[in-house]
Amino acid sequence: MSTNAMRTAIAAVLLVVSAATVGKISLQTATNETGFRLAGERIRFDASARPEFTEGQIMYSAEATRSGLVKWAATPRGRRMILRFNGAEYSVTIREDGHGVGAGSAPQPALATLAAATDHTKTKAYDLILNPTFTLPRGAIPFSSGEPSTPADMMAAAWAAEMLHIDFYARGISLPHHLRPDFQSEWHVMATELGFPYLPHEDEPERPPREWRTIRTRR
């Protein structure tokens, strides 16, 4: 596998929202469906932000999606973010798409939603799209233990990465995010908490050449 192909493979773990997606998500100005919703039902969390899935969610969502959430929720930043977005001010709808080219995406909401960031009387709605079937290319393995390898790892990284985008949307900050030092700083902390300190979260064209390899192939 070529160097460019290997870089593309790990970049696909964290799918960048394309400019064509921006503005296509409709604004929900009011909704009773607040908190995190998976398989048509609100996700219940205990006081420590550990998810408690319903029978319907277990039946109609992927194991990797749920396991990824459990892993991310066990981190300090994940727990903090879940407790914040699980209130009445936010609605995060998780959609699974097994046909995506990456592990996940968080489309930018309508401008009215971004503008309402400081209006705590309005419910802000966001979509989080996950691809629980995403895997590294055949024959590729992680270069080190500091990168995701299992489906649960992939989804934990996707939950963290895309919720960070949503966190910035909730502050009224539109795309692009990847070039912002504060975004990269927060991502590094989140990735390290997950045990993936070497996992990048950036646009492929933005990435400088690196001597180290994120993944390698078996011979």
Protein backbone atom coordinates (compact mmCIF):
# COMPACT_ATOMS: atom_id res chain seq x y z
CA MET A 1 0.00 0.00 0.00
CA SER A 2 1.39 3.42 -0.96
CA THR A 3 2.12 6.19 1.56
CA ASN A 4 -0.70 8.33 0.17
CA ALA A 5 -3.15 5.45 0.42
CA MET A 6 -2.16 4.83 4.04
CA ARG A 7 -2.61 8.50 4.93
CA THR A 8 -5.98 8.56 3.21
CA ALA A 9 -7.10 5.49 5.14
CA ILE A 10 -6.47 6.97 8.58
CA ALA A 11 -7.84 10.34 7.49
CA ALA A 12 -11.09 8.60 6.61
CA VAL A 13 -11.53 7.62 10.26
CA LEU A 14 -12.63 11.18 10.88
CA LEU A 15 -14.62 12.21 7.85
CA VAL A 16 -14.41 15.91 7.07
CA VAL A 17 -17.73 17.58 6.35
CA SER A 18 -17.58 18.88 2.80
CA ALA A 19 -18.57 22.38 1.85
CA ALA A 20 -21.43 20.94 -0.16
CA THR A 21 -23.01 19.68 3.06
CA VAL A 22 -22.97 23.08 4.76
CA GLY A 23 -26.35 24.74 4.91
CA LYS A 24 -28.32 21.66 3.81
CA ILE A 25 -29.40 20.70 7.33
CA SER A 26 -32.71 22.30 8.24
CA LEU A 27 -33.07 24.26 11.48
CA GLN A 28 -35.33 22.94 14.21
CA THR A 29 -36.42 25.98 16.17
CA ALA A 30 -38.41 23.99 18.69
CA THR A 31 -38.60 20.32 19.56
CA ASN A 32 -39.61 18.08 22.43
CA GLU A 33 -37.00 15.53 21.36
CA THR A 34 -34.06 16.85 23.33
CA GLY A 35 -30.87 15.16 24.45
CA PHE A 36 -29.23 12.35 22.47
CA ARG A 37 -31.49 10.22 20.29
CA LEU A 38 -30.56 6.85 18.81
CA ALA A 39 -32.86 4.50 16.88
CA GLY A 40 -35.75 6.89 17.44
CA GLU A 41 -35.43 6.94 21.24
CA ARG A 42 -33.69 9.18 23.71
CA ILE A 43 -30.53 7.67 25.20
CA ARG A 44 -30.73 7.43 28.97
CA PHE A 45 -27.61 8.21 31.00
CA ASP A 46 -26.95 7.60 34.67
CA ALA A 47 -25.45 10.23 36.97
CA SER A 48 -21.96 9.38 35.72
CA ALA A 49 -23.02 9.78 32.07
CA ARG A 50 -22.90 6.04 31.40
CA PRO A 51 -25.45 5.18 28.70
CA GLU A 52 -28.31 2.82 29.45
CA PHE A 53 -29.71 1.57 26.16
CA THR A 54 -33.30 0.52 25.61
CA GLU A 55 -34.27 -2.80 24.04
CA GLY A 56 -35.17 -0.93 20.87
CA GLN A 57 -31.81 0.78 20.70
CA ILE A 58 -30.03 -2.53 21.21
CA MET A 59 -32.12 -4.10 18.48
CA TYR A 60 -31.99 -1.30 15.94
CA SER A 61 -28.50 0.14 16.31
CA ALA A 62 -25.05 -1.32 15.74
CA GLU A 63 -23.02 -2.79 18.58
CA ALA A 64 -20.01 -0.71 17.52
CA THR A 65 -22.03 2.50 17.78
CA ARG A 66 -23.11 1.67 21.33
CA SER A 67 -19.72 0.37 22.43
CA GLY A 68 -18.05 3.46 21.03
CA LEU A 69 -20.37 5.67 23.05
CA VAL A 70 -19.66 3.69 26.22
CA LYS A 71 -15.91 4.08 25.68
CA TRP A 72 -16.13 7.80 24.96
CA ALA A 73 -18.55 8.42 27.86
CA ALA A 74 -15.97 6.93 30.25
CA THR A 75 -13.50 9.75 29.50
CA PRO A 76 -13.54 13.07 31.40
CA ARG A 77 -14.24 15.20 28.31
CA GLY A 78 -16.80 12.76 27.01
CA ARG A 79 -18.66 12.70 30.32
CA ARG A 80 -18.62 16.49 30.54
CA MET A 81 -19.87 16.91 26.98
CA ILE A 82 -22.65 14.35 27.42
CA LEU A 83 -23.91 16.03 30.58
CA ARG A 84 -23.97 19.35 28.75
CA PHE A 85 -25.77 18.21 25.60
CA ASN A 86 -28.21 15.92 27.39
CA GLY A 87 -30.23 18.87 28.63
CA ALA A 88 -33.29 20.62 27.25
CA GLU A 89 -31.30 23.15 25.24
CA TYR A 90 -29.91 20.65 22.73
CA SER A 91 -31.07 17.83 20.50
CA VAL A 92 -28.47 15.52 18.97
CA THR A 93 -29.87 12.93 16.57
CA ILE A 94 -27.54 10.02 15.86
CA ARG A 95 -27.97 8.48 12.44
CA GLU A 96 -26.15 5.40 11.22
CA ASP A 97 -25.01 5.31 7.59
CA GLY A 98 -23.10 2.23 6.54
CA HIS A 99 -22.45 3.62 3.08
CA GLY A 100 -20.27 6.54 4.17
CA VAL A 101 -16.62 6.70 3.18
CA GLY A 102 -15.49 7.60 6.68
CA ALA A 103 -16.30 6.85 10.29
CA GLY A 104 -18.54 9.83 10.91
CA SER A 105 -19.56 13.40 10.21
CA ALA A 106 -21.37 16.29 11.88
CA PRO A 107 -23.00 18.48 9.22
CA GLN A 108 -23.04 22.17 10.00
CA PRO A 109 -26.54 23.31 11.06
CA ALA A 110 -28.41 26.24 9.60
CA LEU A 111 -27.07 29.71 10.26
CA ALA A 112 -30.05 30.47 12.49
CA THR A 113 -28.96 27.65 14.81
CA LEU A 114 -25.43 29.02 14.99
CA ALA A 115 -26.78 32.49 15.69
CA ALA A 116 -28.94 31.16 18.54
CA ALA A 117 -25.93 29.80 20.42
CA THR A 118 -26.35 32.23 23.32
CA ASP A 119 -30.16 32.00 23.39
CA HIS A 120 -30.77 29.42 26.10
CA THR A 121 -34.53 29.47 25.54
CA LYS A 122 -34.25 27.79 22.13
CA THR A 123 -33.51 24.17 21.41
CA LYS A 124 -30.58 23.73 19.04
CA ALA A 125 -30.71 20.59 16.91
CA TYR A 126 -27.71 18.80 15.42
CA ASP A 127 -27.14 15.64 13.42
CA LEU A 128 -24.34 13.19 14.20
CA ILE A 129 -23.79 10.62 11.45
CA LEU A 130 -21.83 7.47 12.25
CA ASN A 131 -20.66 4.63 10.05
CA PRO A 132 -20.35 1.57 12.33
CA THR A 133 -19.23 -0.57 9.39
CA PHE A 134 -16.13 1.53 8.77
CA THR A 135 -12.89 -0.44 8.90
CA LEU A 136 -9.30 0.08 7.87
CA PRO A 137 -8.40 -1.25 4.41
CA ARG A 138 -7.83 -4.98 4.15
CA GLY A 139 -4.32 -5.89 5.24
CA ALA A 140 -3.77 -2.65 7.18
CA ILE A 141 -3.05 -2.64 10.90
CA PRO A 142 -2.50 0.19 13.38
CA PHE A 143 1.07 1.34 13.60
CA SER A 144 0.89 1.54 17.38
CA SER A 145 -1.42 0.91 20.31
CA GLY A 146 -2.06 4.65 20.37
CA GLU A 147 -4.49 4.46 17.46
CA PRO A 148 -7.95 2.90 17.01
CA SER A 149 -8.07 -0.68 15.78
CA THR A 150 -11.41 -2.28 16.71
CA PRO A 151 -14.88 -1.19 15.52
CA ALA A 152 -15.59 0.10 19.04
CA ASP A 153 -12.36 2.12 18.95
CA MET A 154 -13.30 3.59 15.59
CA MET A 155 -16.73 4.61 16.82
CA ALA A 156 -15.37 6.04 20.08
CA ALA A 157 -13.04 8.23 18.02
CA ALA A 158 -15.91 9.21 15.73
CA TRP A 159 -18.19 10.08 18.67
CA ALA A 160 -15.46 12.28 20.15
CA ALA A 161 -14.42 13.91 16.89
CA GLU A 162 -17.89 14.76 15.65
CA MET A 163 -19.19 15.86 19.04
CA LEU A 164 -16.27 18.27 19.18
CA HIS A 165 -17.55 19.81 15.95
CA ILE A 166 -21.04 20.01 17.47
CA ASP A 167 -19.57 21.61 20.58
CA PHE A 168 -18.08 24.34 18.40
CA TYR A 169 -21.39 24.77 16.56
CA ALA A 170 -23.07 25.19 19.96
CA ARG A 171 -20.66 28.04 20.66
CA GLY A 172 -21.77 29.69 17.41
CA ILE A 173 -18.54 28.80 15.58
CA SER A 174 -19.04 27.75 11.96
CA LEU A 175 -16.78 25.64 9.78
CA PRO A 176 -13.90 25.38 9.10
CA HIS A 177 -12.70 24.16 12.49
CA HIS A 178 -9.61 22.10 11.75
CA LEU A 179 -7.22 25.02 11.33
CA ARG A 180 -8.18 26.54 14.69
CA PRO A 181 -5.52 26.05 17.41
CA ASP A 182 -8.21 25.74 20.10
CA PHE A 183 -9.97 22.98 18.15
CA GLN A 184 -6.74 21.02 17.67
CA SER A 185 -5.79 21.51 21.31
CA GLU A 186 -9.13 20.17 22.51
CA TRP A 187 -9.01 17.30 20.05
CA HIS A 188 -5.57 16.24 21.27
CA VAL A 189 -6.85 16.08 24.84
CA MET A 190 -9.93 14.08 23.81
CA ALA A 191 -7.95 11.67 21.65
CA THR A 192 -5.39 11.15 24.41
CA GLU A 193 -8.14 10.42 26.93
CA LEU A 194 -9.40 7.72 24.57
CA GLY A 195 -5.91 6.25 24.34
CA PHE A 196 -5.29 7.50 20.78
CA PRO A 197 -2.73 10.30 21.21
CA TYR A 198 -1.44 9.97 17.63
CA LEU A 199 -4.81 10.14 15.90
CA PRO A 200 -5.10 13.27 13.72
CA HIS A 201 -8.29 15.20 13.08
CA GLU A 202 -7.70 17.47 10.13
CA ASP A 203 -8.42 17.93 6.46
CA GLU A 204 -6.23 15.77 4.24
CA PRO A 205 -4.98 18.81 2.22
CA GLU A 206 -4.07 20.57 5.50
CA ARG A 207 -1.85 17.77 6.73
CA PRO A 208 1.93 18.34 6.46
CA PRO A 209 4.16 15.48 5.33
CA ARG A 210 5.12 13.11 8.15
CA GLU A 211 7.96 10.65 8.44
CA TRP A 212 6.03 8.32 10.74
CA ARG A 213 3.34 5.99 9.45
CA THR A 214 -0.12 5.85 10.91
CA ILE A 215 -0.83 2.37 9.57
CA ARG A 216 1.21 -0.27 7.90
CA THR A 217 0.38 -3.34 5.88
CA ARG A 218 1.17 -6.94 6.62
CA ARG A 219 3.61 -8.64 4.27
